[in-house]
Amino acid sequence: MSKQTHTSRLLDYLRTHSTITSLEAIRDLGNTRLSASIFNLKEEGYYFETKTVEVPNRFGSTTKVSEYKLMENNIGNQLSLLDAI
């Protein structure tokens, strides 16, 4: 059995849940560096939609965080596969 990495767990999570925030990454994946994992996936050719969303904080108000969504049509990956042919 192969060991899962932060990026492979993140891809699995996004395929199941559609979006992720930094809090969800920490809580559900143990990934404290979500933006670094997203950066690595972008370097591999994956495309993401990033938007700012408001979430509640522990002080009873809201704060803004980035929410990442893996785009279904990852053209970068398709191009990488074509380059390998």
PDB file of N, CA and C in Angstrom:
ATOM      1  N   MET A   1       0.851  -1.174   0.000  1.00  0.00           N
ATOM      2  CA  MET A   1       0.000   0.000   0.000  1.00  0.00           C
ATOM      3  C   MET A   1       0.897   1.237   0.000  1.00  0.00           C
ATOM      4  N   SER A   2       0.605   2.177  -0.878  1.00  0.00           N
ATOM      5  CA  SER A   2       1.429   3.368  -0.965  1.00  0.00           C
ATOM      6  C   SER A   2       0.972   4.410   0.049  1.00  0.00           C
ATOM      7  N   LYS A   3       1.937   5.184   0.498  1.00  0.00           N
ATOM      8  CA  LYS A   3       1.662   6.217   1.491  1.00  0.00           C
ATOM      9  C   LYS A   3       1.035   7.430   0.815  1.00  0.00           C
ATOM     10  N   GLN A   4      -0.038   7.958   1.405  1.00  0.00           N
ATOM     11  CA  GLN A   4      -0.672   9.145   0.844  1.00  0.00           C
ATOM     12  C   GLN A   4       0.110  10.388   1.261  1.00  0.00           C
ATOM     13  N   THR A   5       0.149  11.365   0.383  1.00  0.00           N
ATOM     14  CA  THR A   5       0.800  12.634   0.661  1.00  0.00           C
ATOM     15  C   THR A   5      -0.264  13.692   0.914  1.00  0.00           C
ATOM     16  N   HIS A   6       0.178  14.877   1.362  1.00  0.00           N
ATOM     17  CA  HIS A   6      -0.769  15.981   1.542  1.00  0.00           C
ATOM     18  C   HIS A   6      -1.522  16.258   0.245  1.00  0.00           C
ATOM     19  N   THR A   7      -0.806  16.249  -0.876  1.00  0.00           N
ATOM     20  CA  THR A   7      -1.462  16.580  -2.144  1.00  0.00           C
ATOM     21  C   THR A   7      -2.425  15.486  -2.593  1.00  0.00           C
ATOM     22  N   SER A   8      -2.060  14.216  -2.397  1.00  0.00           N
ATOM     23  CA  SER A   8      -2.980  13.145  -2.811  1.00  0.00           C
ATOM     24  C   SER A   8      -4.227  13.121  -1.926  1.00  0.00           C
ATOM     25  N   ARG A   9      -4.058  13.343  -0.621  1.00  0.00           N
ATOM     26  CA  ARG A   9      -5.226  13.424   0.266  1.00  0.00           C
ATOM     27  C   ARG A   9      -6.098  14.622  -0.104  1.00  0.00           C
ATOM     28  N   LEU A  10      -5.458  15.742  -0.460  1.00  0.00           N
ATOM     29  CA  LEU A  10      -6.197  16.943  -0.846  1.00  0.00           C
ATOM     30  C   LEU A  10      -7.014  16.687  -2.114  1.00  0.00           C
ATOM     31  N   LEU A  11      -6.421  16.053  -3.100  1.00  0.00           N
ATOM     32  CA  LEU A  11      -7.152  15.745  -4.331  1.00  0.00           C
ATOM     33  C   LEU A  11      -8.341  14.837  -4.050  1.00  0.00           C
ATOM     34  N   ASP A  12      -8.141  13.825  -3.223  1.00  0.00           N
ATOM     35  CA  ASP A  12      -9.251  12.933  -2.855  1.00  0.00           C
ATOM     36  C   ASP A  12     -10.358  13.721  -2.162  1.00  0.00           C
ATOM     37  N   TYR A  13      -9.981  14.600  -1.255  1.00  0.00           N
ATOM     38  CA  TYR A  13     -10.956  15.402  -0.513  1.00  0.00           C
ATOM     39  C   TYR A  13     -11.747  16.296  -1.460  1.00  0.00           C
ATOM     40  N   LEU A  14     -11.048  16.958  -2.373  1.00  0.00           N
ATOM     41  CA  LEU A  14     -11.717  17.872  -3.299  1.00  0.00           C
ATOM     42  C   LEU A  14     -12.642  17.129  -4.255  1.00  0.00           C
ATOM     43  N   ARG A  15     -12.291  15.940  -4.625  1.00  0.00           N
ATOM     44  CA  ARG A  15     -13.165  15.154  -5.510  1.00  0.00           C
ATOM     45  C   ARG A  15     -14.440  14.732  -4.787  1.00  0.00           C
ATOM     46  N   THR A  16     -14.360  14.622  -3.481  1.00  0.00           N
ATOM     47  CA  THR A  16     -15.525  14.236  -2.679  1.00  0.00           C
ATOM     48  C   THR A  16     -16.336  15.439  -2.206  1.00  0.00           C
ATOM     49  N   HIS A  17     -15.648  16.484  -1.743  1.00  0.00           N
ATOM     50  CA  HIS A  17     -16.317  17.621  -1.102  1.00  0.00           C
ATOM     51  C   HIS A  17     -16.410  18.868  -1.970  1.00  0.00           C
ATOM     52  N   SER A  18     -15.735  18.900  -3.081  1.00  0.00           N
ATOM     53  CA  SER A  18     -15.800  20.010  -4.030  1.00  0.00           C
ATOM     54  C   SER A  18     -14.950  21.220  -3.651  1.00  0.00           C
ATOM     55  N   THR A  19     -15.031  21.699  -2.398  1.00  0.00           N
ATOM     56  CA  THR A  19     -14.248  22.874  -1.985  1.00  0.00           C
ATOM     57  C   THR A  19     -13.558  22.598  -0.659  1.00  0.00           C
ATOM     58  N   ILE A  20     -12.570  23.473  -0.340  1.00  0.00           N
ATOM     59  CA  ILE A  20     -11.869  23.348   0.934  1.00  0.00           C
ATOM     60  C   ILE A  20     -11.348  24.714   1.378  1.00  0.00           C
ATOM     61  N   THR A  21     -11.362  24.935   2.694  1.00  0.00           N
ATOM     62  CA  THR A  21     -10.749  26.121   3.298  1.00  0.00           C
ATOM     63  C   THR A  21      -9.591  25.642   4.175  1.00  0.00           C
ATOM     64  N   SER A  22      -8.795  26.589   4.670  1.00  0.00           N
ATOM     65  CA  SER A  22      -7.658  26.213   5.509  1.00  0.00           C
ATOM     66  C   SER A  22      -8.106  25.504   6.782  1.00  0.00           C
ATOM     67  N   LEU A  23      -9.216  25.935   7.384  1.00  0.00           N
ATOM     68  CA  LEU A  23      -9.706  25.277   8.596  1.00  0.00           C
ATOM     69  C   LEU A  23     -10.113  23.830   8.308  1.00  0.00           C
ATOM     70  N   GLU A  24     -10.785  23.602   7.192  1.00  0.00           N
ATOM     71  CA  GLU A  24     -11.171  22.240   6.822  1.00  0.00           C
ATOM     72  C   GLU A  24      -9.940  21.382   6.554  1.00  0.00           C
ATOM     73  N   ALA A  25      -8.920  21.976   5.944  1.00  0.00           N
ATOM     74  CA  ALA A  25      -7.690  21.230   5.661  1.00  0.00           C
ATOM     75  C   ALA A  25      -7.004  20.799   6.952  1.00  0.00           C
ATOM     76  N   ILE A  26      -6.982  21.695   7.944  1.00  0.00           N
ATOM     77  CA  ILE A  26      -6.373  21.350   9.234  1.00  0.00           C
ATOM     78  C   ILE A  26      -7.209  20.283   9.933  1.00  0.00           C
ATOM     79  N   ARG A  27      -8.499  20.520  10.022  1.00  0.00           N
ATOM     80  CA  ARG A  27      -9.405  19.635  10.759  1.00  0.00           C
ATOM     81  C   ARG A  27      -9.543  18.256  10.103  1.00  0.00           C
ATOM     82  N   ASP A  28      -9.746  18.227   8.783  1.00  0.00           N
ATOM     83  CA  ASP A  28     -10.070  16.971   8.100  1.00  0.00           C
ATOM     84  C   ASP A  28      -8.863  16.228   7.538  1.00  0.00           C
ATOM     85  N   LEU A  29      -7.801  16.974   7.220  1.00  0.00           N
ATOM     86  CA  LEU A  29      -6.650  16.348   6.566  1.00  0.00           C
ATOM     87  C   LEU A  29      -5.356  16.436   7.367  1.00  0.00           C
ATOM     88  N   GLY A  30      -5.347  17.247   8.427  1.00  0.00           N
ATOM     89  CA  GLY A  30      -4.107  17.455   9.170  1.00  0.00           C
ATOM     90  C   GLY A  30      -3.092  18.267   8.388  1.00  0.00           C
ATOM     91  N   ASN A  31      -3.566  19.014   7.406  1.00  0.00           N
ATOM     92  CA  ASN A  31      -2.700  19.809   6.530  1.00  0.00           C
ATOM     93  C   ASN A  31      -2.725  21.260   7.006  1.00  0.00           C
ATOM     94  N   THR A  32      -1.620  21.701   7.602  1.00  0.00           N
ATOM     95  CA  THR A  32      -1.550  23.074   8.114  1.00  0.00           C
ATOM     96  C   THR A  32      -1.019  24.055   7.069  1.00  0.00           C
ATOM     97  N   ARG A  33      -0.689  23.555   5.891  1.00  0.00           N
ATOM     98  CA  ARG A  33      -0.148  24.424   4.841  1.00  0.00           C
ATOM     99  C   ARG A  33      -0.910  24.206   3.534  1.00  0.00           C
ATOM    100  N   LEU A  34      -2.204  24.481   3.590  1.00  0.00           N
ATOM    101  CA  LEU A  34      -3.058  24.267   2.424  1.00  0.00           C
ATOM    102  C   LEU A  34      -2.562  25.040   1.209  1.00  0.00           C
ATOM    103  N   SER A  35      -2.202  26.295   1.386  1.00  0.00           N
ATOM    104  CA  SER A  35      -1.781  27.093   0.233  1.00  0.00           C
ATOM    105  C   SER A  35      -0.536  26.505  -0.431  1.00  0.00           C
ATOM    106  N   ALA A  36       0.351  25.903   0.349  1.00  0.00           N
ATOM    107  CA  ALA A  36       1.538  25.263  -0.230  1.00  0.00           C
ATOM    108  C   ALA A  36       1.138  24.035  -1.043  1.00  0.00           C
ATOM    109  N   SER A  37       0.176  23.263  -0.530  1.00  0.00           N
ATOM    110  CA  SER A  37      -0.297  22.088  -1.270  1.00  0.00           C
ATOM    111  C   SER A  37      -0.991  22.500  -2.566  1.00  0.00           C
ATOM    112  N   ILE A  38      -1.784  23.575  -2.504  1.00  0.00           N
ATOM    113  CA  ILE A  38      -2.444  24.101  -3.707  1.00  0.00           C
ATOM    114  C   ILE A  38      -1.394  24.564  -4.710  1.00  0.00           C
ATOM    115  N   PHE A  39      -0.382  25.267  -4.225  1.00  0.00           N
ATOM    116  CA  PHE A  39       0.706  25.733  -5.091  1.00  0.00           C
ATOM    117  C   PHE A  39       1.365  24.549  -5.800  1.00  0.00           C
ATOM    118  N   ASN A  40       1.673  23.488  -5.048  1.00  0.00           N
ATOM    119  CA  ASN A  40       2.310  22.304  -5.647  1.00  0.00           C
ATOM    120  C   ASN A  40       1.428  21.670  -6.717  1.00  0.00           C
ATOM    121  N   LEU A  41       0.138  21.604  -6.446  1.00  0.00           N
ATOM    122  CA  LEU A  41      -0.772  21.040  -7.449  1.00  0.00           C
ATOM    123  C   LEU A  41      -0.862  21.924  -8.690  1.00  0.00           C
ATOM    124  N   LYS A  42      -0.835  23.241  -8.495  1.00  0.00           N
ATOM    125  CA  LYS A  42      -0.828  24.157  -9.644  1.00  0.00           C
ATOM    126  C   LYS A  42       0.435  23.950 -10.478  1.00  0.00           C
ATOM    127  N   GLU A  43       1.561  23.719  -9.803  1.00  0.00           N
ATOM    128  CA  GLU A  43       2.817  23.453 -10.516  1.00  0.00           C
ATOM    129  C   GLU A  43       2.723  22.170 -11.340  1.00  0.00           C
ATOM    130  N   GLU A  44       1.895  21.231 -10.894  1.00  0.00           N
ATOM    131  CA  GLU A  44       1.692  19.970 -11.625  1.00  0.00           C
ATOM    132  C   GLU A  44       0.668  20.112 -12.748  1.00  0.00           C
ATOM    133  N   GLY A  45       0.032  21.300 -12.852  1.00  0.00           N
ATOM    134  CA  GLY A  45      -0.899  21.537 -13.942  1.00  0.00           C
ATOM    135  C   GLY A  45      -2.365  21.563 -13.569  1.00  0.00           C
ATOM    136  N   TYR A  46      -2.671  21.431 -12.288  1.00  0.00           N
ATOM    137  CA  TYR A  46      -4.070  21.505 -11.859  1.00  0.00           C
ATOM    138  C   TYR A  46      -4.512  22.963 -11.801  1.00  0.00           C
ATOM    139  N   TYR A  47      -5.787  23.186 -12.091  1.00  0.00           N
ATOM    140  CA  TYR A  47      -6.364  24.523 -12.035  1.00  0.00           C
ATOM    141  C   TYR A  47      -7.384  24.602 -10.916  1.00  0.00           C
ATOM    142  N   PHE A  48      -7.380  25.734 -10.214  1.00  0.00           N
ATOM    143  CA  PHE A  48      -8.291  25.949  -9.096  1.00  0.00           C
ATOM    144  C   PHE A  48      -9.018  27.267  -9.260  1.00  0.00           C
ATOM    145  N   GLU A  49     -10.251  27.285  -8.785  1.00  0.00           N
ATOM    146  CA  GLU A  49     -10.984  28.536  -8.622  1.00  0.00           C
ATOM    147  C   GLU A  49     -10.803  28.908  -7.151  1.00  0.00           C
ATOM    148  N   THR A  50     -10.384  30.136  -6.904  1.00  0.00           N
ATOM    149  CA  THR A  50     -10.193  30.608  -5.536  1.00  0.00           C
ATOM    150  C   THR A  50     -11.116  31.780  -5.308  1.00  0.00           C
ATOM    151  N   LYS A  51     -11.871  31.704  -4.216  1.00  0.00           N
ATOM    152  CA  LYS A  51     -12.713  32.846  -3.882  1.00  0.00           C
ATOM    153  C   LYS A  51     -12.620  33.102  -2.382  1.00  0.00           C
ATOM    154  N   THR A  52     -12.905  34.325  -2.005  1.00  0.00           N
ATOM    155  CA  THR A  52     -12.894  34.712  -0.605  1.00  0.00           C
ATOM    156  C   THR A  52     -14.294  34.533  -0.037  1.00  0.00           C
ATOM    157  N   VAL A  53     -14.375  33.821   1.089  1.00  0.00           N
ATOM    158  CA  VAL A  53     -15.659  33.582   1.742  1.00  0.00           C
ATOM    159  C   VAL A  53     -15.564  34.030   3.198  1.00  0.00           C
ATOM    160  N   GLU A  54     -16.704  34.411   3.755  1.00  0.00           N
ATOM    161  CA  GLU A  54     -16.760  34.778   5.166  1.00  0.00           C
ATOM    162  C   GLU A  54     -17.174  33.561   5.981  1.00  0.00           C
ATOM    163  N   VAL A  55     -16.441  33.317   7.059  1.00  0.00           N
ATOM    164  CA  VAL A  55     -16.746  32.205   7.957  1.00  0.00           C
ATOM    165  C   VAL A  55     -16.800  32.738   9.390  1.00  0.00           C
ATOM    166  N   PRO A  56     -17.573  32.080  10.250  1.00  0.00           N
ATOM    167  CA  PRO A  56     -17.629  32.536  11.640  1.00  0.00           C
ATOM    168  C   PRO A  56     -16.309  32.264  12.353  1.00  0.00           C
ATOM    169  N   ASN A  57     -15.952  33.146  13.296  1.00  0.00           N
ATOM    170  CA  ASN A  57     -14.788  32.886  14.121  1.00  0.00           C
ATOM    171  C   ASN A  57     -15.218  32.622  15.558  1.00  0.00           C
ATOM    172  N   ARG A  58     -14.286  32.320  16.414  1.00  0.00           N
ATOM    173  CA  ARG A  58     -14.637  31.951  17.796  1.00  0.00           C
ATOM    174  C   ARG A  58     -15.046  33.127  18.660  1.00  0.00           C
ATOM    175  N   PHE A  59     -14.940  34.342  18.122  1.00  0.00           N
ATOM    176  CA  PHE A  59     -15.293  35.538  18.870  1.00  0.00           C
ATOM    177  C   PHE A  59     -16.694  36.049  18.538  1.00  0.00           C
ATOM    178  N   GLY A  60     -17.429  35.286  17.753  1.00  0.00           N
ATOM    179  CA  GLY A  60     -18.799  35.650  17.436  1.00  0.00           C
ATOM    180  C   GLY A  60     -18.963  36.561  16.234  1.00  0.00           C
ATOM    181  N   SER A  61     -17.877  36.870  15.552  1.00  0.00           N
ATOM    182  CA  SER A  61     -17.990  37.653  14.323  1.00  0.00           C
ATOM    183  C   SER A  61     -17.524  36.773  13.157  1.00  0.00           C
ATOM    184  N   THR A  62     -17.255  37.379  12.023  1.00  0.00           N
ATOM    185  CA  THR A  62     -16.805  36.608  10.866  1.00  0.00           C
ATOM    186  C   THR A  62     -15.425  37.062  10.429  1.00  0.00           C
ATOM    187  N   THR A  63     -14.792  36.207   9.691  1.00  0.00           N
ATOM    188  CA  THR A  63     -13.499  36.522   9.091  1.00  0.00           C
ATOM    189  C   THR A  63     -13.506  35.996   7.663  1.00  0.00           C
ATOM    190  N   LYS A  64     -12.640  36.526   6.838  1.00  0.00           N
ATOM    191  CA  LYS A  64     -12.578  36.108   5.437  1.00  0.00           C
ATOM    192  C   LYS A  64     -11.415  35.139   5.236  1.00  0.00           C
ATOM    193  N   VAL A  65     -11.694  34.069   4.500  1.00  0.00           N
ATOM    194  CA  VAL A  65     -10.677  33.068   4.175  1.00  0.00           C
ATOM    195  C   VAL A  65     -10.805  32.687   2.705  1.00  0.00           C
ATOM    196  N   SER A  66      -9.768  32.084   2.178  1.00  0.00           N
ATOM    197  CA  SER A  66      -9.813  31.583   0.803  1.00  0.00           C
ATOM    198  C   SER A  66     -10.467  30.213   0.778  1.00  0.00           C
ATOM    199  N   GLU A  67     -11.288  30.004  -0.229  1.00  0.00           N
ATOM    200  CA  GLU A  67     -11.911  28.709  -0.473  1.00  0.00           C
ATOM    201  C   GLU A  67     -11.450  28.255  -1.859  1.00  0.00           C
ATOM    202  N   TYR A  68     -10.913  27.047  -1.916  1.00  0.00           N
ATOM    203  CA  TYR A  68     -10.376  26.511  -3.159  1.00  0.00           C
ATOM    204  C   TYR A  68     -11.313  25.464  -3.734  1.00  0.00           C
ATOM    205  N   LYS A  69     -11.464  25.506  -5.049  1.00  0.00           N
ATOM    206  CA  LYS A  69     -12.274  24.516  -5.756  1.00  0.00           C
ATOM    207  C   LYS A  69     -11.450  23.987  -6.931  1.00  0.00           C
ATOM    208  N   LEU A  70     -11.317  22.675  -7.005  1.00  0.00           N
ATOM    209  CA  LEU A  70     -10.610  22.040  -8.112  1.00  0.00           C
ATOM    210  C   LEU A  70     -11.491  22.129  -9.346  1.00  0.00           C
ATOM    211  N   MET A  71     -10.962  22.668 -10.415  1.00  0.00           N
ATOM    212  CA  MET A  71     -11.724  22.805 -11.649  1.00  0.00           C
ATOM    213  C   MET A  71     -11.803  21.444 -12.339  1.00  0.00           C
ATOM    214  N   GLU A  72     -12.981  21.110 -12.807  1.00  0.00           N
ATOM    215  CA  GLU A  72     -13.213  19.824 -13.471  1.00  0.00           C
ATOM    216  C   GLU A  72     -12.356  19.667 -14.721  1.00  0.00           C
ATOM    217  N   ASN A  73     -12.213  20.741 -15.454  1.00  0.00           N
ATOM    218  CA  ASN A  73     -11.509  20.701 -16.722  1.00  0.00           C
ATOM    219  C   ASN A  73     -10.065  21.152 -16.513  1.00  0.00           C
ATOM    220  N   ASN A  74      -9.221  20.263 -16.047  1.00  0.00           N
ATOM    221  CA  ASN A  74      -7.832  20.611 -15.789  1.00  0.00           C
ATOM    222  C   ASN A  74      -7.016  20.451 -17.061  1.00  0.00           C
ATOM    223  N   ILE A  75      -7.056  21.491 -17.880  1.00  0.00           N
ATOM    224  CA  ILE A  75      -6.399  21.471 -19.183  1.00  0.00           C
ATOM    225  C   ILE A  75      -4.900  21.270 -19.047  1.00  0.00           C
ATOM    226  N   GLY A  76      -4.322  21.814 -17.985  1.00  0.00           N
ATOM    227  CA  GLY A  76      -2.885  21.657 -17.777  1.00  0.00           C
ATOM    228  C   GLY A  76      -2.470  20.204 -17.703  1.00  0.00           C
ATOM    229  N   ASN A  77      -3.247  19.395 -16.997  1.00  0.00           N
ATOM    230  CA  ASN A  77      -2.949  17.962 -16.908  1.00  0.00           C
ATOM    231  C   ASN A  77      -3.117  17.283 -18.245  1.00  0.00           C
ATOM    232  N   GLN A  78      -4.136  17.662 -19.004  1.00  0.00           N
ATOM    233  CA  GLN A  78      -4.353  17.084 -20.317  1.00  0.00           C
ATOM    234  C   GLN A  78      -3.185  17.420 -21.236  1.00  0.00           C
ATOM    235  N   LEU A  79      -2.692  18.660 -21.148  1.00  0.00           N
ATOM    236  CA  LEU A  79      -1.553  19.045 -21.970  1.00  0.00           C
ATOM    237  C   LEU A  79      -0.308  18.283 -21.564  1.00  0.00           C
ATOM    238  N   SER A  80      -0.114  18.064 -20.256  1.00  0.00           N
ATOM    239  CA  SER A  80       1.046  17.312 -19.796  1.00  0.00           C
ATOM    240  C   SER A  80       1.010  15.896 -20.361  1.00  0.00           C
ATOM    241  N   LEU A  81      -0.162  15.285 -20.404  1.00  0.00           N
ATOM    242  CA  LEU A  81      -0.277  13.940 -20.947  1.00  0.00           C
ATOM    243  C   LEU A  81       0.028  13.938 -22.443  1.00  0.00           C
ATOM    244  N   LEU A  82      -0.432  14.976 -23.145  1.00  0.00           N
ATOM    245  CA  LEU A  82      -0.150  15.060 -24.583  1.00  0.00           C
ATOM    246  C   LEU A  82       1.337  15.254 -24.845  1.00  0.00           C
ATOM    247  N   ASP A  83       2.004  16.027 -23.990  1.00  0.00           N
ATOM    248  CA  ASP A  83       3.451  16.236 -24.149  1.00  0.00           C
ATOM    249  C   ASP A  83       4.230  14.948 -23.979  1.00  0.00           C
ATOM    250  N   ALA A  84       3.713  14.032 -23.160  1.00  0.00           N
ATOM    251  CA  ALA A  84       4.405  12.779 -22.898  1.00  0.00           C
ATOM    252  C   ALA A  84       4.304  11.802 -24.063  1.00  0.00           C
ATOM    253  N   ILE A  85       3.373  12.042 -24.989  1.00  0.00           N
ATOM    254  CA  ILE A  85       3.166  11.115 -26.109  1.00  0.00           C
ATOM    255  C   ILE A  85       4.216  11.309 -27.168  1.00  0.00           C
TER     256      ILE A  85
END
